[in-house]
Amino acid sequence: MSTSLPPLRALQAFDAYGRTGTVHAAARSLGVTPGAISQQLRLLEDHAGLPLLLREGRRITMTPAAHIYHEMIAQGFDRLARAQEFISAQRVSEDLTVSGLPTLLQKWLNPMIHRFQANAPDTTLRIVATHRETEPQLMDLTFRLTYGMAASRYPHSRALFTDTCFPACSPEFLARHPEARTNEGLARLPLIGIDWGMDETAAPDWANWFAAQNTPVAGPMRTVAVYSLSSLALEAAAAGQGVVLAQASFAGPDLDSGRLVRLSDEVLPMPEAYFICWGLTTMTHKPARDFLNWVLSETKVNRDARSKHS
């Protein structure tokens, strides 16, 4: 078996096949013919010295070793893509990238970002909503807005705020289910779950809420749907699908507009804070310094406003 690297086209074909699951889909994703994909897959098998694909008639599947091989190759192409994003960002020195968790950007940053843009008209912001954490060494003109222990991977970080949760639903749902005002009634109603795909202790769930309220739950809870994005869970609640455990920093506009109704004055604190993170050289750029100062100032204003309201 050769330890030298196989041809790049063969690796690209194999990565595309692993991502899409079929030769024809891989061909479409790369803009080549299915025959070209098949040829590159055979070339890769010859180079590896062992079969990577099991062919049973017209059905083709990857071997267990091939699955592991593909995962490693996919990580390599992912890092290449990140490297290209980094070098492309250097073309315009005033461009500033803000990467963040999707709902944090949509519900918290986006409603106030116009105030920064009004005072920094020469700075172009590139907003990237993703759960994928940024490579710390590629954060020259990049900030990352993230949650909890994920901030520890970056050279520099500052805590922004620690959020709180409470039950909320649509006015129509509450009209049909007035018992939602009590925890005992709430435990019997359709509940909307949120699963970020992170550590199980990362965010509170309904079991945490009922435990904090000393409310015993008889039997399994009625979870009607589980969303990976908090924003989608809020939309589901506003549409009347059930009750959501809403975060205060995300649900404000929906509460103010009347799309959602808060069901309890009690709150459940999030176990960890939200952070803004940056790299070793980020603060050498004036646009980055201006953005960080603005974010910290806005966070303090919002925190003071919530304290007065409570």
C-alpha atoms as a PDB file:
ATOM      1  CA  MET A   1       0.000   0.000   0.000  1.00  0.00           C
ATOM      2  CA  SER A   2       1.351   3.413  -0.980  1.00  0.00           C
ATOM      3  CA  THR A   3       1.760   6.055   1.736  1.00  0.00           C
ATOM      4  CA  SER A   4       2.045   8.892  -0.812  1.00  0.00           C
ATOM      5  CA  LEU A   5      -0.959  11.104  -1.378  1.00  0.00           C
ATOM      6  CA  PRO A   6      -3.358  10.018  -4.125  1.00  0.00           C
ATOM      7  CA  PRO A   7      -4.328  12.439  -6.914  1.00  0.00           C
ATOM      8  CA  LEU A   8      -6.389  15.390  -5.715  1.00  0.00           C
ATOM      9  CA  ARG A   9      -9.153  14.706  -8.266  1.00  0.00           C
ATOM     10  CA  ALA A  10      -9.566  11.189  -6.918  1.00  0.00           C
ATOM     11  CA  LEU A  11      -9.902  12.536  -3.377  1.00  0.00           C
ATOM     12  CA  GLN A  12     -12.420  15.150  -4.558  1.00  0.00           C
ATOM     13  CA  ALA A  13     -14.479  12.481  -6.302  1.00  0.00           C
ATOM     14  CA  PHE A  14     -14.435  10.254  -3.220  1.00  0.00           C
ATOM     15  CA  ASP A  15     -15.377  13.162  -0.937  1.00  0.00           C
ATOM     16  CA  ALA A  16     -18.266  14.102  -3.229  1.00  0.00           C
ATOM     17  CA  TYR A  17     -19.453  10.480  -3.354  1.00  0.00           C
ATOM     18  CA  GLY A  18     -19.312  10.222   0.444  1.00  0.00           C
ATOM     19  CA  ARG A  19     -21.280  13.454   0.845  1.00  0.00           C
ATOM     20  CA  THR A  20     -23.966  12.758  -1.749  1.00  0.00           C
ATOM     21  CA  GLY A  21     -24.275   8.963  -1.566  1.00  0.00           C
ATOM     22  CA  THR A  22     -24.433   8.212  -5.300  1.00  0.00           C
ATOM     23  CA  VAL A  23     -22.125   8.440  -8.303  1.00  0.00           C
ATOM     24  CA  HIS A  24     -24.644  10.547 -10.260  1.00  0.00           C
ATOM     25  CA  ALA A  25     -25.128  13.012  -7.392  1.00  0.00           C
ATOM     26  CA  ALA A  26     -21.365  13.277  -6.905  1.00  0.00           C
ATOM     27  CA  ALA A  27     -20.975  13.985 -10.625  1.00  0.00           C
ATOM     28  CA  ARG A  28     -23.573  16.763 -10.475  1.00  0.00           C
ATOM     29  CA  SER A  29     -21.907  18.377  -7.462  1.00  0.00           C
ATOM     30  CA  LEU A  30     -18.529  18.508  -9.245  1.00  0.00           C
ATOM     31  CA  GLY A  31     -19.870  19.278 -12.708  1.00  0.00           C
ATOM     32  CA  VAL A  32     -18.441  16.143 -14.342  1.00  0.00           C
ATOM     33  CA  THR A  33     -19.832  12.923 -15.817  1.00  0.00           C
ATOM     34  CA  PRO A  34     -20.694   9.830 -13.731  1.00  0.00           C
ATOM     35  CA  GLY A  35     -18.070   7.951 -15.726  1.00  0.00           C
ATOM     36  CA  ALA A  36     -15.411  10.398 -14.580  1.00  0.00           C
ATOM     37  CA  ILE A  37     -16.430   9.854 -10.938  1.00  0.00           C
ATOM     38  CA  SER A  38     -16.307   6.066 -11.333  1.00  0.00           C
ATOM     39  CA  GLN A  39     -12.882   6.292 -12.956  1.00  0.00           C
ATOM     40  CA  GLN A  40     -11.503   8.411 -10.093  1.00  0.00           C
ATOM     41  CA  LEU A  41     -12.986   6.070  -7.478  1.00  0.00           C
ATOM     42  CA  ARG A  42     -11.268   3.073  -9.108  1.00  0.00           C
ATOM     43  CA  LEU A  43      -8.031   5.062  -9.254  1.00  0.00           C
ATOM     44  CA  LEU A  44      -8.293   5.791  -5.529  1.00  0.00           C
ATOM     45  CA  GLU A  45      -8.903   2.108  -4.748  1.00  0.00           C
ATOM     46  CA  ASP A  46      -5.849   1.144  -6.806  1.00  0.00           C
ATOM     47  CA  HIS A  47      -3.778   3.695  -4.932  1.00  0.00           C
ATOM     48  CA  ALA A  48      -5.064   2.520  -1.541  1.00  0.00           C
ATOM     49  CA  GLY A  49      -4.502  -1.123  -2.417  1.00  0.00           C
ATOM     50  CA  LEU A  50      -7.836  -2.287  -1.005  1.00  0.00           C
ATOM     51  CA  PRO A  51     -11.509  -2.024  -1.966  1.00  0.00           C
ATOM     52  CA  LEU A  52     -13.308   1.078  -0.692  1.00  0.00           C
ATOM     53  CA  LEU A  53     -16.656   0.340  -2.316  1.00  0.00           C
ATOM     54  CA  LEU A  54     -18.867  -2.744  -2.263  1.00  0.00           C
ATOM     55  CA  ARG A  55     -20.561  -3.287  -5.633  1.00  0.00           C
ATOM     56  CA  GLU A  56     -23.681  -5.453  -5.654  1.00  0.00           C
ATOM     57  CA  GLY A  57     -25.252  -5.126  -9.061  1.00  0.00           C
ATOM     58  CA  ARG A  58     -26.171  -1.478  -9.483  1.00  0.00           C
ATOM     59  CA  ARG A  59     -25.941  -0.836  -5.756  1.00  0.00           C
ATOM     60  CA  ILE A  60     -22.680   0.641  -4.406  1.00  0.00           C
ATOM     61  CA  THR A  61     -21.887   1.162  -0.721  1.00  0.00           C
ATOM     62  CA  MET A  62     -18.757   2.178   1.172  1.00  0.00           C
ATOM     63  CA  THR A  63     -16.842  -0.298   3.312  1.00  0.00           C
ATOM     64  CA  PRO A  64     -16.453   0.448   7.046  1.00  0.00           C
ATOM     65  CA  ALA A  65     -12.839   1.487   6.428  1.00  0.00           C
ATOM     66  CA  ALA A  66     -13.985   3.757   3.608  1.00  0.00           C
ATOM     67  CA  HIS A  67     -16.401   5.562   5.923  1.00  0.00           C
ATOM     68  CA  ILE A  68     -13.557   6.386   8.314  1.00  0.00           C
ATOM     69  CA  TYR A  69     -11.305   7.347   5.391  1.00  0.00           C
ATOM     70  CA  HIS A  70     -13.988   9.663   4.012  1.00  0.00           C
ATOM     71  CA  GLU A  71     -14.513  11.372   7.369  1.00  0.00           C
ATOM     72  CA  MET A  72     -10.805  12.199   7.543  1.00  0.00           C
ATOM     73  CA  ILE A  73     -10.721  13.436   3.947  1.00  0.00           C
ATOM     74  CA  ALA A  74     -13.824  15.562   4.498  1.00  0.00           C
ATOM     75  CA  GLN A  75     -12.132  17.219   7.463  1.00  0.00           C
ATOM     76  CA  GLY A  76      -9.170  18.007   5.247  1.00  0.00           C
ATOM     77  CA  PHE A  77     -11.321  19.639   2.552  1.00  0.00           C
ATOM     78  CA  ASP A  78     -13.184  21.540   5.263  1.00  0.00           C
ATOM     79  CA  ARG A  79      -9.910  22.989   6.555  1.00  0.00           C
ATOM     80  CA  LEU A  80      -8.899  23.917   3.014  1.00  0.00           C
ATOM     81  CA  ALA A  81     -12.204  25.765   2.613  1.00  0.00           C
ATOM     82  CA  ARG A  82     -11.637  27.629   5.870  1.00  0.00           C
ATOM     83  CA  ALA A  83      -8.120  28.566   4.794  1.00  0.00           C
ATOM     84  CA  GLN A  84      -9.508  29.970   1.537  1.00  0.00           C
ATOM     85  CA  GLU A  85     -12.128  31.961   3.464  1.00  0.00           C
ATOM     86  CA  PHE A  86      -9.342  33.395   5.607  1.00  0.00           C
ATOM     87  CA  ILE A  87      -7.122  34.456   2.721  1.00  0.00           C
ATOM     88  CA  SER A  88     -10.082  35.873   0.794  1.00  0.00           C
ATOM     89  CA  ALA A  89     -10.979  38.009   3.801  1.00  0.00           C
ATOM     90  CA  GLN A  90      -7.576  39.696   3.588  1.00  0.00           C
ATOM     91  CA  ARG A  91      -8.356  41.314   0.229  1.00  0.00           C
ATOM     92  CA  VAL A  92     -10.243  44.225   1.789  1.00  0.00           C
ATOM     93  CA  SER A  93      -8.652  45.305   5.054  1.00  0.00           C
ATOM     94  CA  GLU A  94     -11.751  47.119   6.325  1.00  0.00           C
ATOM     95  CA  ASP A  95     -14.066  44.098   5.997  1.00  0.00           C
ATOM     96  CA  LEU A  96     -14.984  42.599   9.365  1.00  0.00           C
ATOM     97  CA  THR A  97     -16.412  39.087   9.761  1.00  0.00           C
ATOM     98  CA  VAL A  98     -18.762  38.246  12.624  1.00  0.00           C
ATOM     99  CA  SER A  99     -19.420  34.527  12.937  1.00  0.00           C
ATOM    100  CA  GLY A 100     -22.002  33.375  15.430  1.00  0.00           C
ATOM    101  CA  LEU A 101     -24.693  30.957  16.507  1.00  0.00           C
ATOM    102  CA  PRO A 102     -27.648  31.466  14.132  1.00  0.00           C
ATOM    103  CA  THR A 103     -30.310  32.520  16.648  1.00  0.00           C
ATOM    104  CA  LEU A 104     -27.867  34.701  18.590  1.00  0.00           C
ATOM    105  CA  LEU A 105     -27.130  36.637  15.403  1.00  0.00           C
ATOM    106  CA  GLN A 106     -30.744  36.770  14.221  1.00  0.00           C
ATOM    107  CA  LYS A 107     -32.512  37.606  17.474  1.00  0.00           C
ATOM    108  CA  TRP A 108     -29.848  39.453  19.482  1.00  0.00           C
ATOM    109  CA  LEU A 109     -27.221  41.054  17.219  1.00  0.00           C
ATOM    110  CA  ASN A 110     -29.177  41.766  14.047  1.00  0.00           C
ATOM    111  CA  PRO A 111     -31.866  44.025  15.585  1.00  0.00           C
ATOM    112  CA  MET A 112     -29.206  46.446  16.868  1.00  0.00           C
ATOM    113  CA  ILE A 113     -26.405  46.128  14.289  1.00  0.00           C
ATOM    114  CA  HIS A 114     -27.659  49.174  12.370  1.00  0.00           C
ATOM    115  CA  ARG A 115     -26.414  51.371  15.221  1.00  0.00           C
ATOM    116  CA  PHE A 116     -22.846  50.205  14.679  1.00  0.00           C
ATOM    117  CA  GLN A 117     -23.129  50.588  10.915  1.00  0.00           C
ATOM    118  CA  ALA A 118     -24.376  54.158  11.286  1.00  0.00           C
ATOM    119  CA  ASN A 119     -21.180  55.091  13.149  1.00  0.00           C
ATOM    120  CA  ALA A 120     -18.819  52.998  10.981  1.00  0.00           C
ATOM    121  CA  PRO A 121     -19.954  53.553   7.362  1.00  0.00           C
ATOM    122  CA  ASP A 122     -16.554  52.545   5.961  1.00  0.00           C
ATOM    123  CA  THR A 123     -16.598  49.119   7.632  1.00  0.00           C
ATOM    124  CA  THR A 124     -18.247  46.296   5.716  1.00  0.00           C
ATOM    125  CA  LEU A 125     -19.662  43.585   7.968  1.00  0.00           C
ATOM    126  CA  ARG A 126     -19.805  39.969   6.843  1.00  0.00           C
ATOM    127  CA  ILE A 127     -22.282  38.118   9.071  1.00  0.00           C
ATOM    128  CA  VAL A 128     -21.869  34.307   9.099  1.00  0.00           C
ATOM    129  CA  ALA A 129     -24.540  32.293  10.930  1.00  0.00           C
ATOM    130  CA  THR A 130     -23.190  28.841  11.763  1.00  0.00           C
ATOM    131  CA  HIS A 131     -22.889  26.359  14.622  1.00  0.00           C
ATOM    132  CA  ARG A 132     -19.378  25.539  13.399  1.00  0.00           C
ATOM    133  CA  GLU A 133     -16.702  27.125  15.550  1.00  0.00           C
ATOM    134  CA  THR A 134     -14.049  29.227  13.808  1.00  0.00           C
ATOM    135  CA  GLU A 135     -10.420  28.126  13.595  1.00  0.00           C
ATOM    136  CA  PRO A 136      -8.650  30.323  16.220  1.00  0.00           C
ATOM    137  CA  GLN A 137      -5.594  30.862  14.000  1.00  0.00           C
ATOM    138  CA  LEU A 138      -7.778  32.212  11.175  1.00  0.00           C
ATOM    139  CA  MET A 139      -9.340  35.055  13.202  1.00  0.00           C
ATOM    140  CA  ASP A 140      -7.408  38.061  11.985  1.00  0.00           C
ATOM    141  CA  LEU A 141     -10.430  40.257  11.230  1.00  0.00           C
ATOM    142  CA  THR A 142     -13.031  37.910  12.691  1.00  0.00           C
ATOM    143  CA  PHE A 143     -15.133  37.749  15.841  1.00  0.00           C
ATOM    144  CA  ARG A 144     -17.021  34.704  17.062  1.00  0.00           C
ATOM    145  CA  LEU A 145     -20.227  34.975  19.099  1.00  0.00           C
ATOM    146  CA  THR A 146     -20.687  31.680  20.904  1.00  0.00           C
ATOM    147  CA  TYR A 147     -21.922  30.005  24.058  1.00  0.00           C
ATOM    148  CA  GLY A 148     -20.351  28.476  27.125  1.00  0.00           C
ATOM    149  CA  MET A 149     -17.204  26.364  27.044  1.00  0.00           C
ATOM    150  CA  ALA A 150     -16.797  26.830  23.287  1.00  0.00           C
ATOM    151  CA  ALA A 151     -15.232  30.220  24.110  1.00  0.00           C
ATOM    152  CA  SER A 152     -12.252  28.553  25.807  1.00  0.00           C
ATOM    153  CA  ARG A 153     -10.762  27.502  22.439  1.00  0.00           C
ATOM    154  CA  TYR A 154     -10.069  31.116  21.445  1.00  0.00           C
ATOM    155  CA  PRO A 155      -7.080  33.258  22.479  1.00  0.00           C
ATOM    156  CA  HIS A 156      -9.314  36.066  23.795  1.00  0.00           C
ATOM    157  CA  SER A 157     -12.939  36.237  24.927  1.00  0.00           C
ATOM    158  CA  ARG A 158     -15.310  38.352  26.999  1.00  0.00           C
ATOM    159  CA  ALA A 159     -18.565  37.248  28.564  1.00  0.00           C
ATOM    160  CA  LEU A 160     -21.519  39.202  27.155  1.00  0.00           C
ATOM    161  CA  PHE A 161     -24.494  38.070  29.216  1.00  0.00           C
ATOM    162  CA  THR A 162     -26.080  35.070  30.895  1.00  0.00           C
ATOM    163  CA  ASP A 163     -29.584  34.548  29.594  1.00  0.00           C
ATOM    164  CA  THR A 164     -32.722  33.362  31.376  1.00  0.00           C
ATOM    165  CA  CYS A 165     -35.631  31.173  30.198  1.00  0.00           C
ATOM    166  CA  PHE A 166     -39.363  31.093  30.831  1.00  0.00           C
ATOM    167  CA  PRO A 167     -42.422  29.412  29.243  1.00  0.00           C
ATOM    168  CA  ALA A 168     -44.142  31.254  26.390  1.00  0.00           C
ATOM    169  CA  CYS A 169     -46.859  30.499  23.850  1.00  0.00           C
ATOM    170  CA  SER A 170     -49.109  32.258  21.359  1.00  0.00           C
ATOM    171  CA  PRO A 171     -52.176  34.181  22.604  1.00  0.00           C
ATOM    172  CA  GLU A 172     -54.404  31.789  20.658  1.00  0.00           C
ATOM    173  CA  PHE A 173     -52.831  28.748  22.304  1.00  0.00           C
ATOM    174  CA  LEU A 174     -53.291  30.331  25.742  1.00  0.00           C
ATOM    175  CA  ALA A 175     -56.948  31.071  24.974  1.00  0.00           C
ATOM    176  CA  ARG A 176     -57.473  27.369  24.212  1.00  0.00           C
ATOM    177  CA  HIS A 177     -55.371  26.212  27.166  1.00  0.00           C
ATOM    178  CA  PRO A 178     -55.658  28.661  30.084  1.00  0.00           C
ATOM    179  CA  GLU A 179     -54.165  25.969  32.333  1.00  0.00           C
ATOM    180  CA  ALA A 180     -50.788  26.860  30.767  1.00  0.00           C
ATOM    181  CA  ARG A 181     -50.526  29.590  33.408  1.00  0.00           C
ATOM    182  CA  THR A 182     -49.795  26.916  36.036  1.00  0.00           C
ATOM    183  CA  ASN A 183     -46.883  24.506  36.032  1.00  0.00           C
ATOM    184  CA  GLU A 184     -49.193  21.594  36.767  1.00  0.00           C
ATOM    185  CA  GLY A 185     -51.298  22.403  33.713  1.00  0.00           C
ATOM    186  CA  LEU A 186     -48.229  23.149  31.629  1.00  0.00           C
ATOM    187  CA  ALA A 187     -46.860  19.658  32.265  1.00  0.00           C
ATOM    188  CA  ARG A 188     -49.872  18.170  30.480  1.00  0.00           C
ATOM    189  CA  LEU A 189     -49.711  20.394  27.382  1.00  0.00           C
ATOM    190  CA  PRO A 190     -47.783  20.053  24.077  1.00  0.00           C
ATOM    191  CA  LEU A 191     -44.217  21.247  24.681  1.00  0.00           C
ATOM    192  CA  ILE A 192     -41.656  22.432  22.116  1.00  0.00           C
ATOM    193  CA  GLY A 193     -38.095  21.281  22.704  1.00  0.00           C
ATOM    194  CA  ILE A 194     -34.730  22.739  21.686  1.00  0.00           C
ATOM    195  CA  ASP A 195     -31.631  20.616  21.129  1.00  0.00           C
ATOM    196  CA  TRP A 196     -28.494  22.451  19.986  1.00  0.00           C
ATOM    197  CA  GLY A 197     -26.639  19.183  19.496  1.00  0.00           C
ATOM    198  CA  MET A 198     -24.190  20.195  22.215  1.00  0.00           C
ATOM    199  CA  ASP A 199     -23.461  18.780  25.653  1.00  0.00           C
ATOM    200  CA  GLU A 200     -26.642  17.760  27.437  1.00  0.00           C
ATOM    201  CA  THR A 201     -25.934  20.307  30.202  1.00  0.00           C
ATOM    202  CA  ALA A 202     -25.409  23.198  27.773  1.00  0.00           C
ATOM    203  CA  ALA A 203     -28.966  24.551  27.785  1.00  0.00           C
ATOM    204  CA  PRO A 204     -31.957  24.121  30.108  1.00  0.00           C
ATOM    205  CA  ASP A 205     -34.801  21.918  28.955  1.00  0.00           C
ATOM    206  CA  TRP A 206     -38.313  21.265  30.180  1.00  0.00           C
ATOM    207  CA  ALA A 207     -37.144  18.710  32.729  1.00  0.00           C
ATOM    208  CA  ASN A 208     -34.903  21.421  34.250  1.00  0.00           C
ATOM    209  CA  TRP A 209     -37.809  23.875  34.335  1.00  0.00           C
ATOM    210  CA  PHE A 210     -40.222  21.571  36.140  1.00  0.00           C
ATOM    211  CA  ALA A 211     -37.515  20.471  38.574  1.00  0.00           C
ATOM    212  CA  ALA A 212     -36.705  24.112  39.401  1.00  0.00           C
ATOM    213  CA  GLN A 213     -40.410  24.776  39.992  1.00  0.00           C
ATOM    214  CA  ASN A 214     -40.746  21.684  42.221  1.00  0.00           C
ATOM    215  CA  THR A 215     -43.416  20.377  39.893  1.00  0.00           C
ATOM    216  CA  PRO A 216     -43.585  16.575  39.631  1.00  0.00           C
ATOM    217  CA  VAL A 217     -44.331  15.321  36.134  1.00  0.00           C
ATOM    218  CA  ALA A 218     -46.421  12.175  35.986  1.00  0.00           C
ATOM    219  CA  GLY A 219     -45.482  10.145  32.935  1.00  0.00           C
ATOM    220  CA  PRO A 220     -43.644  11.312  29.816  1.00  0.00           C
ATOM    221  CA  MET A 221     -43.952  14.941  28.733  1.00  0.00           C
ATOM    222  CA  ARG A 222     -45.803  15.709  25.469  1.00  0.00           C
ATOM    223  CA  THR A 223     -42.955  16.969  23.304  1.00  0.00           C
ATOM    224  CA  VAL A 224     -44.520  17.793  19.931  1.00  0.00           C
ATOM    225  CA  ALA A 225     -41.279  18.826  18.177  1.00  0.00           C
ATOM    226  CA  VAL A 226     -37.592  19.374  18.890  1.00  0.00           C
ATOM    227  CA  TYR A 227     -35.735  22.113  16.993  1.00  0.00           C
ATOM    228  CA  SER A 228     -31.992  22.610  16.561  1.00  0.00           C
ATOM    229  CA  LEU A 229     -32.487  26.392  16.295  1.00  0.00           C
ATOM    230  CA  SER A 230     -34.048  28.425  19.093  1.00  0.00           C
ATOM    231  CA  SER A 231     -35.487  30.815  16.491  1.00  0.00           C
ATOM    232  CA  LEU A 232     -37.430  27.967  14.842  1.00  0.00           C
ATOM    233  CA  ALA A 233     -38.776  26.877  18.221  1.00  0.00           C
ATOM    234  CA  LEU A 234     -39.990  30.432  18.873  1.00  0.00           C
ATOM    235  CA  GLU A 235     -41.688  30.487  15.472  1.00  0.00           C
ATOM    236  CA  ALA A 236     -43.366  27.158  16.216  1.00  0.00           C
ATOM    237  CA  ALA A 237     -44.725  28.545  19.480  1.00  0.00           C
ATOM    238  CA  ALA A 238     -45.937  31.729  17.768  1.00  0.00           C
ATOM    239  CA  ALA A 239     -47.758  29.503  15.253  1.00  0.00           C
ATOM    240  CA  GLY A 240     -49.658  27.842  18.101  1.00  0.00           C
ATOM    241  CA  GLN A 241     -47.932  24.449  18.078  1.00  0.00           C
ATOM    242  CA  GLY A 242     -47.286  24.414  21.824  1.00  0.00           C
ATOM    243  CA  VAL A 243     -45.297  26.040  24.623  1.00  0.00           C
ATOM    244  CA  VAL A 244     -41.617  26.901  24.249  1.00  0.00           C
ATOM    245  CA  LEU A 245     -38.984  27.490  26.912  1.00  0.00           C
ATOM    246  CA  ALA A 246     -38.052  30.914  25.535  1.00  0.00           C
ATOM    247  CA  GLN A 247     -34.827  32.793  26.153  1.00  0.00           C
ATOM    248  CA  ALA A 248     -35.321  36.388  27.280  1.00  0.00           C
ATOM    249  CA  SER A 249     -32.723  37.817  24.887  1.00  0.00           C
ATOM    250  CA  PHE A 250     -34.343  36.135  21.883  1.00  0.00           C
ATOM    251  CA  ALA A 251     -38.064  36.399  22.640  1.00  0.00           C
ATOM    252  CA  GLY A 252     -38.269  40.151  23.367  1.00  0.00           C
ATOM    253  CA  PRO A 253     -39.553  41.308  19.948  1.00  0.00           C
ATOM    254  CA  ASP A 254     -42.176  38.539  19.816  1.00  0.00           C
ATOM    255  CA  LEU A 255     -43.372  39.405  23.319  1.00  0.00           C
ATOM    256  CA  ASP A 256     -43.494  43.135  22.517  1.00  0.00           C
ATOM    257  CA  SER A 257     -45.458  42.534  19.320  1.00  0.00           C
ATOM    258  CA  GLY A 258     -47.917  40.172  21.019  1.00  0.00           C
ATOM    259  CA  ARG A 259     -46.954  37.119  18.952  1.00  0.00           C
ATOM    260  CA  LEU A 260     -45.931  35.391  22.187  1.00  0.00           C
ATOM    261  CA  VAL A 261     -47.226  35.586  25.753  1.00  0.00           C
ATOM    262  CA  ARG A 262     -45.030  34.994  28.775  1.00  0.00           C
ATOM    263  CA  LEU A 263     -46.638  32.438  31.078  1.00  0.00           C
ATOM    264  CA  SER A 264     -44.626  32.871  34.284  1.00  0.00           C
ATOM    265  CA  ASP A 265     -42.697  35.552  36.150  1.00  0.00           C
ATOM    266  CA  GLU A 266     -40.253  32.873  37.270  1.00  0.00           C
ATOM    267  CA  VAL A 267     -37.060  32.379  35.269  1.00  0.00           C
ATOM    268  CA  LEU A 268     -34.567  29.581  34.792  1.00  0.00           C
ATOM    269  CA  PRO A 269     -30.998  30.880  34.334  1.00  0.00           C
ATOM    270  CA  MET A 270     -28.892  29.466  31.535  1.00  0.00           C
ATOM    271  CA  PRO A 271     -25.994  27.485  33.025  1.00  0.00           C
ATOM    272  CA  GLU A 272     -23.377  29.349  30.975  1.00  0.00           C
ATOM    273  CA  ALA A 273     -22.843  32.759  29.399  1.00  0.00           C
ATOM    274  CA  TYR A 274     -22.681  33.951  25.802  1.00  0.00           C
ATOM    275  CA  PHE A 275     -19.266  35.214  24.714  1.00  0.00           C
ATOM    276  CA  ILE A 276     -17.585  37.328  22.076  1.00  0.00           C
ATOM    277  CA  CYS A 277     -14.238  35.840  21.038  1.00  0.00           C
ATOM    278  CA  TRP A 278     -11.342  37.028  18.878  1.00  0.00           C
ATOM    279  CA  GLY A 279      -7.862  36.052  17.717  1.00  0.00           C
ATOM    280  CA  LEU A 280      -4.309  37.051  18.533  1.00  0.00           C
ATOM    281  CA  THR A 281      -4.080  39.810  15.903  1.00  0.00           C
ATOM    282  CA  THR A 282      -7.715  40.956  15.736  1.00  0.00           C
ATOM    283  CA  MET A 283      -7.219  44.025  17.944  1.00  0.00           C
ATOM    284  CA  THR A 284      -4.454  45.374  15.687  1.00  0.00           C
ATOM    285  CA  HIS A 285      -7.245  46.541  13.346  1.00  0.00           C
ATOM    286  CA  LYS A 286      -9.218  49.678  14.211  1.00  0.00           C
ATOM    287  CA  PRO A 287     -12.560  48.365  12.815  1.00  0.00           C
ATOM    288  CA  ALA A 288     -12.250  45.375  15.127  1.00  0.00           C
ATOM    289  CA  ARG A 289     -11.514  47.554  18.166  1.00  0.00           C
ATOM    290  CA  ASP A 290     -14.485  49.761  17.320  1.00  0.00           C
ATOM    291  CA  PHE A 291     -16.802  46.767  16.948  1.00  0.00           C
ATOM    292  CA  LEU A 292     -15.739  45.178  20.235  1.00  0.00           C
ATOM    293  CA  ASN A 293     -16.192  48.449  22.135  1.00  0.00           C
ATOM    294  CA  TRP A 294     -19.619  48.896  20.568  1.00  0.00           C
ATOM    295  CA  VAL A 295     -20.777  45.344  21.408  1.00  0.00           C
ATOM    296  CA  LEU A 296     -19.650  45.651  25.030  1.00  0.00           C
ATOM    297  CA  SER A 297     -21.346  49.049  25.336  1.00  0.00           C
ATOM    298  CA  GLU A 298     -24.623  47.750  23.863  1.00  0.00           C
ATOM    299  CA  THR A 299     -24.512  44.736  26.157  1.00  0.00           C
ATOM    300  CA  LYS A 300     -24.144  46.992  29.210  1.00  0.00           C
ATOM    301  CA  VAL A 301     -27.066  49.180  28.077  1.00  0.00           C
ATOM    302  CA  ASN A 302     -29.272  46.116  27.550  1.00  0.00           C
ATOM    303  CA  ARG A 303     -28.250  44.647  30.897  1.00  0.00           C
ATOM    304  CA  ASP A 304     -29.001  47.909  32.746  1.00  0.00           C
ATOM    305  CA  ALA A 305     -32.382  48.158  30.995  1.00  0.00           C
ATOM    306  CA  ARG A 306     -33.324  44.617  32.052  1.00  0.00           C
ATOM    307  CA  SER A 307     -32.269  45.355  35.651  1.00  0.00           C
ATOM    308  CA  LYS A 308     -34.520  48.426  35.787  1.00  0.00           C
ATOM    309  CA  HIS A 309     -37.408  46.502  34.256  1.00  0.00           C
ATOM    310  CA  SER A 310     -37.105  43.676  36.784  1.00  0.00           C
END
